[in-house]
């Protein structure tokens, strides 16, 4: 499952040229993102926490009263969030490292947590030599993690703890306890929090891949939900980051 921050340890080399131009230029996407942000201000649709959107990376200011609950996920063009699909590279690792530096905590379900625990602490102990991957591992090691599981009783990652309340109670408590965003990095949690209307923002990194069968991020949603585009970015690999507010 290609969950938030769970990117491949092998980096795709950057090189060569892409002869296929994107349908829209990077400048156009940034202009539309700025327009959407301005419209949000005019309409009074400000985020629960203050932010500055800049070049595809939303920076959250200090001193906010409550945390923004932010879902972040890698996804293919056809909605697959399986970690075996996608085109992770150095630029994507750098993007998620920067995102992690802006949050106070990350929430995971059991499966995603176990995948993360199996990969990143080992890289901290034995770096790969790739700067982007190694820096991401260090940032991931440090960020506090809250794990939702009905079966786990012990976590081996010192920066992680098991949730002791229901999903709704724990997320509401995290929102009250923190001022910077709390990131949600598991597809099941993101889908459920959307159903509960507890997710404030959603950042999708859409990979230029059609995966076919696999895990879908959105399912069993009770009604259509409209979102406002507040930020965007196009990566050299063709990945497009879209950051929405509910």
Protein backbone atom coordinates (compact mmCIF):
# COMPACT_ATOMS: atom_id res chain seq x y z
CA UNK A 1 0.00 0.00 0.00
CA UNK A 2 1.51 3.31 -1.05
CA UNK A 3 0.64 5.26 2.07
CA UNK A 4 1.71 8.71 3.10
CA UNK A 5 5.51 8.86 3.68
CA UNK A 6 5.89 5.22 2.68
CA UNK A 7 8.04 5.67 -0.41
CA UNK A 8 10.40 3.19 -1.99
CA UNK A 9 13.94 2.87 -0.70
CA UNK A 10 15.30 2.70 -4.25
CA UNK A 11 15.36 6.14 -5.84
CA UNK A 12 14.48 6.50 -9.51
CA UNK A 13 17.38 8.20 -11.32
CA UNK A 14 16.68 11.66 -12.63
CA UNK A 15 17.80 12.12 -16.18
CA UNK A 16 16.80 12.19 -19.78
CA UNK A 17 14.04 14.34 -21.22
CA UNK A 18 10.30 14.10 -21.27
CA UNK A 19 8.92 14.75 -24.74
CA UNK A 20 5.33 14.87 -23.57
CA UNK A 21 4.30 18.26 -22.21
CA UNK A 22 1.77 18.37 -19.37
CA UNK A 23 -1.73 19.51 -20.20
CA UNK A 24 -1.26 22.58 -17.99
CA UNK A 25 1.89 24.47 -17.15
CA UNK A 26 3.29 24.75 -13.65
CA UNK A 27 2.66 28.50 -13.71
CA UNK A 28 -1.00 27.91 -14.57
CA UNK A 29 -1.42 25.50 -11.65
CA UNK A 30 0.20 27.96 -9.26
CA UNK A 31 -2.00 30.78 -10.57
CA UNK A 32 -5.13 28.68 -10.05
CA UNK A 33 -3.90 27.68 -6.57
CA UNK A 34 -3.36 31.35 -5.65
CA UNK A 35 -6.81 32.21 -7.02
CA UNK A 36 -8.42 29.44 -4.96
CA UNK A 37 -6.61 30.64 -1.83
CA UNK A 38 -7.75 34.20 -2.44
CA UNK A 39 -11.32 33.04 -2.96
CA UNK A 40 -11.16 31.09 0.31
CA UNK A 41 -10.18 34.29 2.09
CA UNK A 42 -12.94 36.32 0.42
CA UNK A 43 -15.56 33.72 1.24
CA UNK A 44 -14.38 33.37 4.83
CA UNK A 45 -13.39 29.72 4.32
CA UNK A 46 -10.16 29.96 6.27
CA UNK A 47 -8.45 26.86 7.58
CA UNK A 48 -8.79 25.92 11.26
CA UNK A 49 -5.11 26.83 11.48
CA UNK A 50 -3.32 29.68 9.74
CA UNK A 51 -1.12 28.80 6.79
CA UNK A 52 0.99 30.20 4.00
CA UNK A 53 0.94 28.30 0.68
CA UNK A 54 4.21 28.61 -1.22
CA UNK A 55 5.55 26.66 -4.19
CA UNK A 56 3.63 23.49 -3.46
CA UNK A 57 4.47 23.35 0.23
CA UNK A 58 1.92 24.64 2.75
CA UNK A 59 3.65 26.21 5.73
CA UNK A 60 1.65 26.44 8.95
CA UNK A 61 2.23 29.35 11.28
CA UNK A 62 2.77 29.01 15.01
CA UNK A 63 0.30 30.13 17.65
CA UNK A 64 -2.90 28.58 16.34
CA UNK A 65 -5.54 27.48 18.80
CA UNK A 66 -6.24 24.05 17.29
CA UNK A 67 -4.48 21.65 14.97
CA UNK A 68 -5.53 21.04 11.39
CA UNK A 69 -6.24 17.34 10.73
CA UNK A 70 -4.45 16.73 7.44
CA UNK A 71 -4.72 13.55 5.38
CA UNK A 72 -1.71 12.92 3.12
CA UNK A 73 -1.50 10.09 0.64
CA UNK A 74 0.27 8.84 -2.48
CA UNK A 75 -2.15 7.67 -5.15
CA UNK A 76 -2.11 6.54 -8.78
CA UNK A 77 -4.19 8.13 -11.52
CA UNK A 78 -6.84 5.45 -11.10
CA UNK A 79 -7.10 5.90 -7.33
CA UNK A 80 -4.84 3.04 -6.21
CA UNK A 81 -3.00 3.66 -2.93
CA UNK A 82 -0.98 0.44 -2.94
CA UNK A 83 2.67 1.04 -2.06
CA UNK A 84 3.89 -1.21 -4.86
CA UNK A 85 2.69 1.30 -7.47
CA UNK A 86 4.00 4.78 -8.08
CA UNK A 87 7.24 6.51 -9.06
CA UNK A 88 8.93 7.64 -5.81
CA UNK A 89 12.15 9.61 -6.25
CA UNK A 90 14.38 12.06 -4.42
CA UNK A 91 12.05 15.00 -4.98
CA UNK A 92 9.11 13.14 -3.44
CA UNK A 93 11.16 12.13 -0.41
CA UNK A 94 12.21 15.75 0.05
CA UNK A 95 8.59 16.88 -0.22
CA UNK A 96 7.41 14.51 2.51
CA UNK A 97 10.40 15.36 4.71
CA UNK A 98 9.40 19.00 4.53
CA UNK A 99 5.78 18.12 5.27
CA UNK A 100 6.77 16.07 8.31
CA UNK A 101 8.76 19.00 9.68
CA UNK A 102 5.55 21.08 9.78
CA UNK A 103 3.40 18.64 11.78
CA UNK A 104 3.14 17.85 15.49
CA UNK A 105 2.15 14.19 15.07
CA UNK A 106 1.25 11.48 12.54
CA UNK A 107 -1.65 9.04 12.93
CA UNK A 108 -1.38 5.53 11.46
CA UNK A 109 -3.40 2.36 11.34
CA UNK A 110 -1.73 -0.93 12.20
CA UNK A 111 -0.76 -2.05 8.68
CA UNK A 112 0.81 1.24 7.66
CA UNK A 113 2.61 1.60 10.97
CA UNK A 114 4.14 -1.87 10.70
CA UNK A 115 5.36 -1.15 7.16
CA UNK A 116 6.94 2.10 8.34
CA UNK A 117 8.50 0.55 11.43
CA UNK A 118 10.03 -2.21 9.34
CA UNK A 119 11.72 0.22 6.95
CA UNK A 120 12.83 3.56 8.38
CA UNK A 121 14.52 2.89 11.75
CA UNK A 122 16.93 0.53 9.99
CA UNK A 123 17.95 3.32 7.58
CA UNK A 124 18.61 5.65 10.49
CA UNK A 125 20.99 3.02 11.88
CA UNK A 126 22.53 2.20 8.48
CA UNK A 127 22.10 5.11 6.03
CA UNK A 128 21.78 4.32 2.35
CA UNK A 129 24.04 7.12 1.17
CA UNK A 130 21.14 8.79 -0.63
CA UNK A 131 20.65 12.17 1.04
CA UNK A 132 16.91 12.49 0.38
CA UNK A 133 16.10 9.01 1.71
CA UNK A 134 18.40 9.26 4.71
CA UNK A 135 17.07 12.68 5.74
CA UNK A 136 13.50 11.43 5.43
CA UNK A 137 14.32 8.48 7.67
CA UNK A 138 15.70 10.82 10.35
CA UNK A 139 12.65 13.09 10.20
CA UNK A 140 10.30 10.11 10.29
CA UNK A 141 12.17 8.69 13.28
CA UNK A 142 11.64 11.89 15.26
CA UNK A 143 8.01 12.76 14.58
CA UNK A 144 5.55 11.53 17.25
CA UNK A 145 3.23 8.79 15.99
CA UNK A 146 -0.19 7.66 17.21
CA UNK A 147 -1.15 4.12 16.17
CA UNK A 148 -4.71 2.84 15.98
CA UNK A 149 -4.93 -0.91 16.38
CA UNK A 150 -7.21 -3.50 17.98
CA UNK A 151 -4.48 -6.16 18.02
CA UNK A 152 -1.14 -4.50 18.82
CA UNK A 153 -0.24 -4.27 22.48
CA UNK A 154 3.41 -3.20 22.19
CA UNK A 155 5.24 -0.84 19.84
CA UNK A 156 8.99 -1.04 19.28
CA UNK A 157 9.40 2.49 17.91
CA UNK A 158 10.20 4.88 20.78
CA UNK A 159 8.48 7.79 19.01
CA UNK A 160 5.19 5.87 18.65
CA UNK A 161 2.34 5.23 21.08
CA UNK A 162 -0.88 3.26 20.88
CA UNK A 163 -4.14 5.20 20.81
CA UNK A 164 -6.14 4.59 23.97
CA UNK A 165 -9.45 6.10 22.84
CA UNK A 166 -11.78 5.64 19.91
CA UNK A 167 -10.73 7.17 16.58
CA UNK A 168 -13.12 10.08 16.99
CA UNK A 169 -12.13 10.78 20.60
CA UNK A 170 -8.42 10.53 19.90
CA UNK A 171 -8.54 12.79 16.83
CA UNK A 172 -10.60 15.40 18.67
CA UNK A 173 -8.13 15.28 21.56
CA UNK A 174 -5.14 15.65 19.23
CA UNK A 175 -6.84 18.60 17.58
CA UNK A 176 -7.20 20.29 20.96
CA UNK A 177 -3.72 19.39 22.23
CA UNK A 178 -1.70 20.65 19.26
CA UNK A 179 -1.43 23.88 17.30
CA UNK A 180 0.43 22.60 14.25
CA UNK A 181 -1.18 20.01 11.92
CA UNK A 182 -1.73 16.38 12.82
CA UNK A 183 -1.12 14.29 9.73
CA UNK A 184 -3.10 11.13 8.96
CA UNK A 185 -1.09 8.71 6.81
CA UNK A 186 -3.23 5.57 6.44
CA UNK A 187 -5.91 5.16 3.76
CA UNK A 188 -8.44 3.51 6.05
CA UNK A 189 -8.15 6.27 8.64
CA UNK A 190 -8.41 8.98 5.99
CA UNK A 191 -11.52 7.40 4.48
CA UNK A 192 -13.18 6.99 7.89
CA UNK A 193 -12.33 10.53 9.01
CA UNK A 194 -13.87 11.90 5.82
CA UNK A 195 -17.02 9.93 6.64
CA UNK A 196 -16.98 11.42 10.15
CA UNK A 197 -16.31 14.91 8.75
CA UNK A 198 -13.25 15.18 10.96
CA UNK A 199 -10.66 15.65 8.19
CA UNK A 200 -9.88 19.33 7.61
CA UNK A 201 -7.53 19.04 4.65
CA UNK A 202 -6.36 16.40 2.17
CA UNK A 203 -3.06 16.36 0.27
CA UNK A 204 -2.79 13.87 -2.59
CA UNK A 205 0.41 13.13 -4.50
CA UNK A 206 -0.96 11.66 -7.72
CA UNK A 207 1.53 9.47 -9.60
CA UNK A 208 1.45 9.17 -13.41
CA UNK A 209 0.61 5.46 -13.22
CA UNK A 210 -2.49 3.40 -13.98
CA UNK A 211 -2.22 0.51 -11.54
CA UNK A 212 -5.35 -1.47 -12.34
CA UNK A 213 -6.57 -3.52 -9.40
CA UNK A 214 -5.63 -2.56 -5.87
CA UNK A 215 -6.66 -0.69 -2.75
CA UNK A 216 -8.81 2.36 -3.37
CA UNK A 217 -8.62 5.37 -1.11
CA UNK A 218 -12.26 6.47 -1.27
CA UNK A 219 -15.16 4.11 -0.65
CA UNK A 220 -18.49 3.99 1.18
CA UNK A 221 -18.75 7.76 1.36
CA UNK A 222 -22.32 8.73 2.30
CA UNK A 223 -22.57 11.83 0.10
CA UNK A 224 -20.51 13.94 -2.32
CA UNK A 225 -18.06 16.30 -0.62
CA UNK A 226 -16.81 19.46 -2.29
CA UNK A 227 -13.28 20.64 -1.58
CA UNK A 228 -11.31 23.82 -2.21
CA UNK A 229 -7.89 23.65 -3.88
CA UNK A 230 -5.45 25.65 -1.73
CA UNK A 231 -2.07 24.50 -3.07
CA UNK A 232 -0.52 22.49 -5.89
CA UNK A 233 2.81 21.39 -7.29
CA UNK A 234 4.09 19.48 -10.31
CA UNK A 235 7.15 17.27 -9.74
CA UNK A 236 9.78 16.53 -12.39
CA UNK A 237 8.65 12.89 -12.43
CA UNK A 238 5.11 13.88 -13.43
CA UNK A 239 3.66 13.49 -9.94
CA UNK A 240 1.10 16.19 -9.19
CA UNK A 241 0.50 17.30 -5.60
CA UNK A 242 -2.99 18.64 -4.93
CA UNK A 243 -3.79 20.09 -1.50
CA UNK A 244 -7.49 20.54 -0.70
CA UNK A 245 -9.51 21.93 2.17
CA UNK A 246 -12.94 20.56 3.08
